[in-house]
Amino acid sequence: MIPRSSIALLFAVSVLSVMSYRTPMARASAAGVDAVVVEKKARRLTLFSAGSPVHTYAVALGVHPVGPKIQEGDDRTPEGSYVIDGRNYNSAYHLALHLSYPNATDRARAAALGVDPGGDIMIHGLPNGFGWLGPAHRKHDWTRGCIAVTDSEIDEIGGLVPDGTPVQIKP
């Protein structure tokens, strides 16, 4: 028979070893994600920490994905440099990380054309109630200009990427 004190010690050591184990993503989180890059043509979002990629996600974009966003309602995903400037846990989508679109370049382009540049560009999950679609949502670009991932992916991204993180959206 094993003494109770030995069982308690074995249990404590087991719990501590499980608690101290880190997956690669947990290490990335501890290191801090400090940049997000979206490559529209590749339909890819990559999280970076200290210049190294730590995770990549496939994405869906605006219905008209080619070219930069010009005006409200054009269903294009913007191109340029932005930051995550807030998050909406009560969004019509699972979770939404708001981007600082429009930036100065976007506003100047829209002003020169006499149009409204629009706003409310986000990195978000699926529409509420449609999480069951999972990765199938990526078969077609479907957003109004946002960047969409699955619900579990936006939960992960939201936990890794703090507000203020720069986001570069490339053609």
N, C-alpha and C. Protein backbone atom coordinates (compact mmCIF):
# COMPACT_ATOMS: atom_id res chain seq x y z
N MET A 1 0.83 -1.17 0.00
CA MET A 1 0.00 0.00 0.00
C MET A 1 0.88 1.24 0.00
N ILE A 2 0.52 2.22 -0.84
CA ILE A 2 1.29 3.46 -0.92
C ILE A 2 0.77 4.43 0.15
N PRO A 3 1.69 5.02 0.93
CA PRO A 3 1.25 5.95 1.97
C PRO A 3 0.53 7.16 1.36
N ARG A 4 -0.44 7.67 2.12
CA ARG A 4 -1.23 8.83 1.66
C ARG A 4 -0.36 10.03 1.34
N SER A 5 0.67 10.27 2.13
CA SER A 5 1.54 11.42 1.89
C SER A 5 2.25 11.30 0.54
N SER A 6 2.59 10.10 0.14
CA SER A 6 3.24 9.89 -1.16
C SER A 6 2.26 10.14 -2.30
N ILE A 7 1.01 9.73 -2.13
CA ILE A 7 -0.02 9.96 -3.15
C ILE A 7 -0.27 11.45 -3.29
N ALA A 8 -0.37 12.16 -2.16
CA ALA A 8 -0.58 13.60 -2.20
C ALA A 8 0.58 14.31 -2.89
N LEU A 9 1.81 13.89 -2.59
CA LEU A 9 2.98 14.51 -3.21
C LEU A 9 3.00 14.23 -4.71
N LEU A 10 2.69 12.99 -5.12
CA LEU A 10 2.65 12.63 -6.53
C LEU A 10 1.58 13.46 -7.26
N PHE A 11 0.44 13.62 -6.64
CA PHE A 11 -0.64 14.42 -7.23
C PHE A 11 -0.19 15.87 -7.40
N ALA A 12 0.42 16.45 -6.38
CA ALA A 12 0.86 17.84 -6.43
C ALA A 12 1.90 18.03 -7.53
N VAL A 13 2.85 17.13 -7.65
CA VAL A 13 3.87 17.22 -8.69
C VAL A 13 3.23 17.10 -10.07
N SER A 14 2.26 16.21 -10.23
CA SER A 14 1.57 16.05 -11.51
C SER A 14 0.84 17.32 -11.90
N VAL A 15 0.12 17.91 -10.97
CA VAL A 15 -0.62 19.15 -11.24
C VAL A 15 0.34 20.27 -11.63
N LEU A 16 1.42 20.42 -10.89
CA LEU A 16 2.39 21.47 -11.19
C LEU A 16 3.04 21.27 -12.55
N SER A 17 3.33 20.03 -12.91
CA SER A 17 3.97 19.80 -14.21
C SER A 17 3.00 20.10 -15.35
N VAL A 18 1.73 19.78 -15.19
CA VAL A 18 0.73 20.10 -16.21
C VAL A 18 0.56 21.61 -16.31
N MET A 19 0.52 22.29 -15.18
CA MET A 19 0.34 23.74 -15.19
C MET A 19 1.53 24.46 -15.81
N SER A 20 2.72 23.92 -15.71
CA SER A 20 3.89 24.60 -16.24
C SER A 20 4.15 24.27 -17.71
N TYR A 21 3.47 23.27 -18.26
CA TYR A 21 3.64 22.93 -19.67
C TYR A 21 3.06 24.03 -20.53
N ARG A 22 3.79 24.42 -21.56
CA ARG A 22 3.31 25.45 -22.48
C ARG A 22 3.34 24.91 -23.89
N THR A 23 2.26 25.14 -24.59
CA THR A 23 2.25 24.82 -26.02
C THR A 23 3.00 25.92 -26.74
N PRO A 24 3.35 25.72 -28.02
CA PRO A 24 4.01 26.79 -28.76
C PRO A 24 3.20 28.10 -28.73
N MET A 25 1.87 28.02 -28.82
CA MET A 25 1.06 29.25 -28.81
C MET A 25 1.12 29.91 -27.44
N ALA A 26 1.16 29.13 -26.37
CA ALA A 26 1.27 29.74 -25.04
C ALA A 26 2.60 30.48 -24.91
N ARG A 27 3.66 29.90 -25.47
CA ARG A 27 4.95 30.60 -25.46
C ARG A 27 4.85 31.88 -26.27
N ALA A 28 4.15 31.83 -27.39
CA ALA A 28 4.00 33.04 -28.21
C ALA A 28 3.26 34.11 -27.43
N SER A 29 2.23 33.69 -26.70
CA SER A 29 1.47 34.64 -25.91
C SER A 29 2.34 35.26 -24.83
N ALA A 30 3.16 34.44 -24.19
CA ALA A 30 4.04 34.94 -23.14
C ALA A 30 5.05 35.91 -23.73
N ALA A 31 5.54 35.62 -24.95
CA ALA A 31 6.50 36.51 -25.61
C ALA A 31 5.81 37.78 -26.08
N GLY A 32 4.53 37.70 -26.42
CA GLY A 32 3.77 38.86 -26.85
C GLY A 32 3.69 38.98 -28.36
N VAL A 33 2.49 38.87 -28.88
CA VAL A 33 2.29 39.13 -30.30
C VAL A 33 2.38 40.63 -30.48
N ASP A 34 3.26 41.06 -31.39
CA ASP A 34 3.47 42.49 -31.55
C ASP A 34 3.18 43.00 -32.95
N ALA A 35 2.69 42.14 -33.82
CA ALA A 35 2.31 42.58 -35.17
C ALA A 35 1.39 41.55 -35.81
N VAL A 36 0.51 42.05 -36.67
CA VAL A 36 -0.38 41.21 -37.46
C VAL A 36 -0.19 41.61 -38.91
N VAL A 37 -0.03 40.63 -39.78
CA VAL A 37 0.08 40.89 -41.22
C VAL A 37 -1.01 40.10 -41.93
N VAL A 38 -1.77 40.79 -42.78
CA VAL A 38 -2.80 40.15 -43.59
C VAL A 38 -2.34 40.25 -45.05
N GLU A 39 -2.27 39.12 -45.71
CA GLU A 39 -1.93 39.07 -47.13
C GLU A 39 -3.22 38.71 -47.88
N LYS A 40 -3.81 39.72 -48.53
CA LYS A 40 -5.10 39.51 -49.16
C LYS A 40 -5.07 38.45 -50.25
N LYS A 41 -4.09 38.52 -51.14
CA LYS A 41 -4.04 37.56 -52.25
C LYS A 41 -3.92 36.13 -51.75
N ALA A 42 -3.14 35.93 -50.70
CA ALA A 42 -2.96 34.59 -50.13
C ALA A 42 -4.09 34.20 -49.17
N ARG A 43 -4.97 35.15 -48.85
CA ARG A 43 -6.05 34.92 -47.88
C ARG A 43 -5.47 34.38 -46.57
N ARG A 44 -4.45 35.13 -46.04
CA ARG A 44 -3.71 34.66 -44.88
C ARG A 44 -3.50 35.80 -43.89
N LEU A 45 -3.68 35.49 -42.60
CA LEU A 45 -3.40 36.40 -41.49
C LEU A 45 -2.32 35.73 -40.65
N THR A 46 -1.23 36.46 -40.39
CA THR A 46 -0.13 35.90 -39.61
C THR A 46 0.14 36.78 -38.40
N LEU A 47 0.29 36.14 -37.24
CA LEU A 47 0.67 36.83 -36.01
C LEU A 47 2.19 36.72 -35.87
N PHE A 48 2.82 37.84 -35.47
CA PHE A 48 4.27 37.88 -35.30
C PHE A 48 4.63 38.27 -33.88
N SER A 49 5.74 37.71 -33.40
CA SER A 49 6.32 38.09 -32.13
C SER A 49 7.81 38.29 -32.36
N ALA A 50 8.29 39.49 -32.07
CA ALA A 50 9.71 39.83 -32.26
C ALA A 50 10.19 39.48 -33.67
N GLY A 51 9.35 39.75 -34.66
CA GLY A 51 9.73 39.53 -36.05
C GLY A 51 9.56 38.12 -36.57
N SER A 52 9.18 37.19 -35.72
CA SER A 52 9.00 35.79 -36.14
C SER A 52 7.53 35.43 -36.17
N PRO A 53 7.10 34.73 -37.23
CA PRO A 53 5.70 34.29 -37.28
C PRO A 53 5.43 33.25 -36.19
N VAL A 54 4.31 33.41 -35.49
CA VAL A 54 3.96 32.45 -34.45
C VAL A 54 2.68 31.68 -34.75
N HIS A 55 1.85 32.22 -35.63
CA HIS A 55 0.64 31.50 -36.02
C HIS A 55 0.07 32.11 -37.28
N THR A 56 -0.50 31.25 -38.13
CA THR A 56 -1.10 31.69 -39.39
C THR A 56 -2.51 31.14 -39.48
N TYR A 57 -3.40 31.97 -40.04
CA TYR A 57 -4.81 31.61 -40.19
C TYR A 57 -5.24 31.89 -41.63
N ALA A 58 -6.08 31.04 -42.18
CA ALA A 58 -6.72 31.31 -43.47
C ALA A 58 -7.91 32.23 -43.19
N VAL A 59 -8.19 33.15 -44.11
CA VAL A 59 -9.24 34.14 -43.89
C VAL A 59 -10.17 34.26 -45.09
N ALA A 60 -11.32 34.85 -44.85
CA ALA A 60 -12.21 35.32 -45.90
C ALA A 60 -12.18 36.84 -45.84
N LEU A 61 -12.34 37.48 -46.98
CA LEU A 61 -12.26 38.94 -47.07
C LEU A 61 -13.58 39.53 -47.56
N GLY A 62 -13.52 40.81 -47.92
CA GLY A 62 -14.68 41.47 -48.50
C GLY A 62 -15.06 40.83 -49.83
N VAL A 63 -16.31 40.99 -50.20
CA VAL A 63 -16.85 40.39 -51.43
C VAL A 63 -16.03 40.80 -52.65
N HIS A 64 -15.49 42.01 -52.66
CA HIS A 64 -14.64 42.50 -53.75
C HIS A 64 -13.24 42.69 -53.19
N PRO A 65 -12.43 41.63 -53.15
CA PRO A 65 -11.17 41.68 -52.42
C PRO A 65 -10.01 42.37 -53.13
N VAL A 66 -10.09 42.58 -54.44
CA VAL A 66 -8.96 43.15 -55.17
C VAL A 66 -8.97 44.67 -55.07
N GLY A 67 -7.81 45.22 -54.68
CA GLY A 67 -7.67 46.67 -54.57
C GLY A 67 -8.02 47.16 -53.18
N PRO A 68 -7.58 48.38 -52.87
CA PRO A 68 -7.85 48.95 -51.55
C PRO A 68 -9.31 49.40 -51.42
N LYS A 69 -9.76 49.51 -50.19
CA LYS A 69 -11.09 50.06 -49.93
C LYS A 69 -11.08 51.52 -50.36
N ILE A 70 -12.06 51.93 -51.13
CA ILE A 70 -12.16 53.30 -51.60
C ILE A 70 -13.23 54.07 -50.84
N GLN A 71 -14.39 53.44 -50.69
CA GLN A 71 -15.51 54.13 -50.07
C GLN A 71 -16.43 53.18 -49.34
N GLU A 72 -17.26 53.75 -48.50
CA GLU A 72 -18.24 52.96 -47.77
C GLU A 72 -19.12 52.20 -48.75
N GLY A 73 -19.34 50.92 -48.44
CA GLY A 73 -20.24 50.10 -49.26
C GLY A 73 -19.60 49.43 -50.45
N ASP A 74 -18.28 49.60 -50.66
CA ASP A 74 -17.66 48.96 -51.83
C ASP A 74 -17.28 47.51 -51.57
N ASP A 75 -17.48 47.03 -50.35
CA ASP A 75 -17.22 45.63 -49.97
C ASP A 75 -15.77 45.21 -50.20
N ARG A 76 -14.85 46.17 -50.12
CA ARG A 76 -13.43 45.86 -50.25
C ARG A 76 -12.76 45.88 -48.88
N THR A 77 -11.77 45.02 -48.73
CA THR A 77 -10.95 45.02 -47.53
C THR A 77 -9.84 46.04 -47.75
N PRO A 78 -9.61 46.94 -46.79
CA PRO A 78 -8.59 47.98 -46.99
C PRO A 78 -7.19 47.40 -47.14
N GLU A 79 -6.29 48.25 -47.58
CA GLU A 79 -4.86 47.92 -47.66
C GLU A 79 -4.11 49.06 -47.00
N GLY A 80 -3.14 48.73 -46.17
CA GLY A 80 -2.36 49.77 -45.51
C GLY A 80 -2.02 49.39 -44.09
N SER A 81 -1.60 50.42 -43.33
CA SER A 81 -1.18 50.22 -41.93
C SER A 81 -2.24 50.73 -40.97
N TYR A 82 -2.60 49.88 -40.03
CA TYR A 82 -3.64 50.18 -39.05
C TYR A 82 -3.20 49.65 -37.69
N VAL A 83 -4.03 49.85 -36.68
CA VAL A 83 -3.81 49.22 -35.38
C VAL A 83 -5.14 48.67 -34.90
N ILE A 84 -5.05 47.69 -34.01
CA ILE A 84 -6.26 47.21 -33.35
C ILE A 84 -6.56 48.24 -32.27
N ASP A 85 -7.69 48.93 -32.41
CA ASP A 85 -7.99 50.02 -31.49
C ASP A 85 -9.18 49.74 -30.59
N GLY A 86 -9.62 48.49 -30.54
CA GLY A 86 -10.70 48.12 -29.63
C GLY A 86 -11.27 46.77 -30.02
N ARG A 87 -12.15 46.27 -29.18
CA ARG A 87 -12.79 45.00 -29.44
C ARG A 87 -14.25 45.07 -29.01
N ASN A 88 -15.07 44.32 -29.72
CA ASN A 88 -16.50 44.30 -29.44
C ASN A 88 -16.93 42.88 -29.13
N TYR A 89 -17.20 42.64 -27.85
CA TYR A 89 -17.64 41.31 -27.42
C TYR A 89 -19.15 41.12 -27.66
N ASN A 90 -19.86 42.20 -27.99
CA ASN A 90 -21.30 42.14 -28.23
C ASN A 90 -21.62 42.37 -29.70
N SER A 91 -20.68 42.04 -30.56
CA SER A 91 -20.82 42.21 -32.00
C SER A 91 -21.86 41.25 -32.56
N ALA A 92 -22.30 41.52 -33.78
CA ALA A 92 -23.16 40.59 -34.51
C ALA A 92 -22.35 39.37 -34.97
N TYR A 93 -21.04 39.45 -34.76
CA TYR A 93 -20.12 38.36 -35.07
C TYR A 93 -19.56 37.86 -33.76
N HIS A 94 -19.02 36.66 -33.76
CA HIS A 94 -18.60 36.01 -32.52
C HIS A 94 -17.76 36.92 -31.62
N LEU A 95 -16.80 37.59 -32.18
CA LEU A 95 -15.96 38.57 -31.50
C LEU A 95 -15.38 39.43 -32.60
N ALA A 96 -15.23 40.72 -32.36
CA ALA A 96 -14.71 41.60 -33.40
C ALA A 96 -13.60 42.49 -32.84
N LEU A 97 -12.44 42.46 -33.50
CA LEU A 97 -11.32 43.34 -33.17
C LEU A 97 -11.34 44.49 -34.17
N HIS A 98 -11.58 45.70 -33.68
CA HIS A 98 -11.74 46.86 -34.55
C HIS A 98 -10.40 47.38 -35.03
N LEU A 99 -10.33 47.70 -36.33
CA LEU A 99 -9.12 48.29 -36.92
C LEU A 99 -9.30 49.80 -37.06
N SER A 100 -8.19 50.51 -37.04
CA SER A 100 -8.20 51.98 -37.10
C SER A 100 -8.43 52.53 -38.50
N TYR A 101 -9.13 51.79 -39.34
CA TYR A 101 -9.52 52.27 -40.66
C TYR A 101 -10.64 53.29 -40.49
N PRO A 102 -10.63 54.41 -41.21
CA PRO A 102 -9.66 54.83 -42.22
C PRO A 102 -8.46 55.55 -41.60
N ASN A 103 -7.29 55.33 -42.20
CA ASN A 103 -6.11 56.08 -41.77
C ASN A 103 -6.03 57.36 -42.62
N ALA A 104 -4.99 58.15 -42.45
CA ALA A 104 -4.87 59.43 -43.16
C ALA A 104 -4.86 59.23 -44.68
N THR A 105 -4.18 58.21 -45.16
CA THR A 105 -4.13 57.93 -46.60
C THR A 105 -5.52 57.60 -47.13
N ASP A 106 -6.26 56.78 -46.39
CA ASP A 106 -7.62 56.39 -46.81
C ASP A 106 -8.54 57.62 -46.86
N ARG A 107 -8.43 58.48 -45.84
CA ARG A 107 -9.27 59.69 -45.80
C ARG A 107 -8.94 60.63 -46.95
N ALA A 108 -7.65 60.80 -47.24
CA ALA A 108 -7.23 61.69 -48.33
C ALA A 108 -7.72 61.16 -49.68
N ARG A 109 -7.60 59.85 -49.91
CA ARG A 109 -8.06 59.25 -51.17
C ARG A 109 -9.56 59.45 -51.32
N ALA A 110 -10.31 59.20 -50.26
CA ALA A 110 -11.76 59.37 -50.32
C ALA A 110 -12.13 60.83 -50.55
N ALA A 111 -11.45 61.74 -49.87
CA ALA A 111 -11.74 63.18 -50.03
C ALA A 111 -11.48 63.62 -51.47
N ALA A 112 -10.38 63.13 -52.07
CA ALA A 112 -10.06 63.50 -53.45
C ALA A 112 -11.14 63.01 -54.41
N LEU A 113 -11.79 61.92 -54.06
CA LEU A 113 -12.85 61.36 -54.91
C LEU A 113 -14.24 61.86 -54.52
N GLY A 114 -14.31 62.62 -53.42
CA GLY A 114 -15.59 63.14 -52.95
C GLY A 114 -16.51 62.07 -52.39
N VAL A 115 -15.92 61.04 -51.77
CA VAL A 115 -16.72 59.95 -51.21
C VAL A 115 -16.42 59.77 -49.73
N ASP A 116 -17.27 59.03 -49.04
CA ASP A 116 -17.09 58.68 -47.64
C ASP A 116 -16.25 57.41 -47.58
N PRO A 117 -15.11 57.42 -46.84
CA PRO A 117 -14.26 56.22 -46.80
C PRO A 117 -14.88 55.05 -46.06
N GLY A 118 -15.92 55.29 -45.28
CA GLY A 118 -16.52 54.22 -44.49
C GLY A 118 -15.74 53.98 -43.21
N GLY A 119 -16.02 52.89 -42.56
CA GLY A 119 -15.37 52.56 -41.29
C GLY A 119 -15.83 51.19 -40.83
N ASP A 120 -15.69 50.93 -39.54
CA ASP A 120 -16.11 49.66 -38.95
C ASP A 120 -15.49 48.45 -39.63
N ILE A 121 -14.20 48.52 -39.89
CA ILE A 121 -13.48 47.38 -40.44
C ILE A 121 -12.91 46.59 -39.26
N MET A 122 -13.14 45.30 -39.28
CA MET A 122 -12.78 44.45 -38.15
C MET A 122 -12.15 43.13 -38.60
N ILE A 123 -11.46 42.52 -37.66
CA ILE A 123 -11.10 41.11 -37.77
C ILE A 123 -12.10 40.41 -36.88
N HIS A 124 -12.89 39.51 -37.44
CA HIS A 124 -13.98 38.93 -36.63
C HIS A 124 -14.21 37.47 -36.96
N GLY A 125 -15.02 36.85 -36.08
CA GLY A 125 -15.46 35.48 -36.28
C GLY A 125 -16.69 35.44 -37.18
N LEU A 126 -17.42 34.36 -37.09
CA LEU A 126 -18.60 34.16 -37.94
C LEU A 126 -19.81 34.86 -37.35
N PRO A 127 -20.82 35.13 -38.17
CA PRO A 127 -22.04 35.73 -37.64
C PRO A 127 -22.58 34.87 -36.49
N ASN A 128 -23.10 35.53 -35.47
CA ASN A 128 -23.64 34.79 -34.33
C ASN A 128 -24.66 33.76 -34.81
N GLY A 129 -24.53 32.55 -34.29
CA GLY A 129 -25.42 31.46 -34.67
C GLY A 129 -24.93 30.64 -35.85
N PHE A 130 -23.83 31.09 -36.49
CA PHE A 130 -23.32 30.38 -37.66
C PHE A 130 -21.93 29.79 -37.44
N GLY A 131 -21.53 29.66 -36.19
CA GLY A 131 -20.23 29.08 -35.87
C GLY A 131 -20.05 27.68 -36.43
N TRP A 132 -21.16 26.98 -36.62
CA TRP A 132 -21.11 25.62 -37.15
C TRP A 132 -20.52 25.56 -38.55
N LEU A 133 -20.49 26.70 -39.27
CA LEU A 133 -19.88 26.71 -40.61
C LEU A 133 -18.39 26.41 -40.55
N GLY A 134 -17.75 26.80 -39.45
CA GLY A 134 -16.31 26.55 -39.30
C GLY A 134 -15.53 27.03 -40.50
N PRO A 135 -14.52 26.26 -40.92
CA PRO A 135 -13.66 26.68 -42.02
C PRO A 135 -14.36 26.76 -43.38
N ALA A 136 -15.55 26.18 -43.51
CA ALA A 136 -16.26 26.23 -44.79
C ALA A 136 -16.56 27.67 -45.21
N HIS A 137 -16.61 28.60 -44.26
CA HIS A 137 -16.92 29.99 -44.60
C HIS A 137 -15.86 30.59 -45.53
N ARG A 138 -14.68 29.99 -45.57
CA ARG A 138 -13.58 30.54 -46.38
C ARG A 138 -13.67 30.16 -47.86
N LYS A 139 -14.67 29.39 -48.25
CA LYS A 139 -14.79 28.99 -49.65
C LYS A 139 -15.10 30.19 -50.55
N HIS A 140 -15.67 31.23 -49.97
CA HIS A 140 -16.01 32.45 -50.72
C HIS A 140 -15.72 33.66 -49.84
N ASP A 141 -15.27 34.75 -50.45
CA ASP A 141 -15.15 36.00 -49.72
C ASP A 141 -16.56 36.53 -49.53
N TRP A 142 -16.90 36.89 -48.30
CA TRP A 142 -18.29 37.20 -48.00
C TRP A 142 -18.51 38.43 -47.12
N THR A 143 -17.46 39.04 -46.59
CA THR A 143 -17.67 40.15 -45.66
C THR A 143 -17.91 41.46 -46.42
N ARG A 144 -18.24 42.49 -45.68
CA ARG A 144 -18.45 43.82 -46.26
C ARG A 144 -17.13 44.59 -46.35
N GLY A 145 -16.01 43.93 -46.08
CA GLY A 145 -14.69 44.55 -46.11
C GLY A 145 -13.83 44.13 -44.94
N CYS A 146 -14.41 43.33 -44.06
CA CYS A 146 -13.68 42.86 -42.88
C CYS A 146 -12.84 41.63 -43.21
N ILE A 147 -12.14 41.14 -42.21
CA ILE A 147 -11.31 39.95 -42.30
C ILE A 147 -11.93 38.93 -41.36
N ALA A 148 -12.36 37.79 -41.90
CA ALA A 148 -13.10 36.80 -41.11
C ALA A 148 -12.32 35.51 -40.92
N VAL A 149 -12.40 34.98 -39.72
CA VAL A 149 -11.82 33.69 -39.34
C VAL A 149 -12.91 32.91 -38.62
N THR A 150 -12.63 31.68 -38.23
CA THR A 150 -13.62 30.90 -37.49
C THR A 150 -13.75 31.44 -36.07
N ASP A 151 -14.79 31.03 -35.38
CA ASP A 151 -15.01 31.49 -34.00
C ASP A 151 -13.87 31.08 -33.08
N SER A 152 -13.42 29.84 -33.20
CA SER A 152 -12.33 29.40 -32.32
C SER A 152 -11.04 30.17 -32.64
N GLU A 153 -10.84 30.50 -33.90
CA GLU A 153 -9.65 31.26 -34.28
C GLU A 153 -9.70 32.69 -33.75
N ILE A 154 -10.85 33.34 -33.82
CA ILE A 154 -10.92 34.72 -33.30
C ILE A 154 -10.78 34.71 -31.78
N ASP A 155 -11.25 33.67 -31.13
CA ASP A 155 -11.03 33.56 -29.68
C ASP A 155 -9.53 33.49 -29.39
N GLU A 156 -8.82 32.69 -30.17
CA GLU A 156 -7.37 32.57 -29.98
C GLU A 156 -6.67 33.88 -30.31
N ILE A 157 -7.00 34.47 -31.45
CA ILE A 157 -6.39 35.74 -31.86
C ILE A 157 -6.68 36.81 -30.82
N GLY A 158 -7.92 36.90 -30.38
CA GLY A 158 -8.29 37.90 -29.38
C GLY A 158 -7.52 37.75 -28.08
N GLY A 159 -7.18 36.52 -27.71
CA GLY A 159 -6.41 36.28 -26.50
C GLY A 159 -4.93 36.57 -26.66
N LEU A 160 -4.44 36.55 -27.88
CA LEU A 160 -3.01 36.74 -28.13
C LEU A 160 -2.64 38.17 -28.53
N VAL A 161 -3.58 38.89 -29.12
CA VAL A 161 -3.28 40.18 -29.71
C VAL A 161 -3.89 41.31 -28.87
N PRO A 162 -3.05 42.11 -28.22
CA PRO A 162 -3.58 43.21 -27.42
C PRO A 162 -4.00 44.41 -28.27
N ASP A 163 -4.86 45.24 -27.72
CA ASP A 163 -5.19 46.50 -28.37
C ASP A 163 -3.90 47.29 -28.56
N GLY A 164 -3.82 48.03 -29.65
CA GLY A 164 -2.63 48.80 -29.97
C GLY A 164 -1.67 48.06 -30.89
N THR A 165 -1.94 46.79 -31.17
CA THR A 165 -1.06 46.01 -32.04
C THR A 165 -1.18 46.51 -33.47
N PRO A 166 -0.03 46.77 -34.14
CA PRO A 166 -0.10 47.18 -35.55
C PRO A 166 -0.57 46.05 -36.44
N VAL A 167 -1.34 46.43 -37.46
CA VAL A 167 -1.86 45.49 -38.45
C VAL A 167 -1.49 46.03 -39.83
N GLN A 168 -0.78 45.24 -40.60
CA GLN A 168 -0.42 45.61 -41.97
C GLN A 168 -1.26 44.75 -42.90
N ILE A 169 -2.05 45.39 -43.78
CA ILE A 169 -2.86 44.66 -44.74
C ILE A 169 -2.24 44.89 -46.11
N LYS A 170 -1.76 43.81 -46.70
CA LYS A 170 -1.07 43.86 -48.00
C LYS A 170 -1.99 43.35 -49.10
N PRO A 171 -1.76 43.85 -50.33
CA PRO A 171 -2.60 43.37 -51.47
C PRO A 171 -2.55 41.85 -51.64
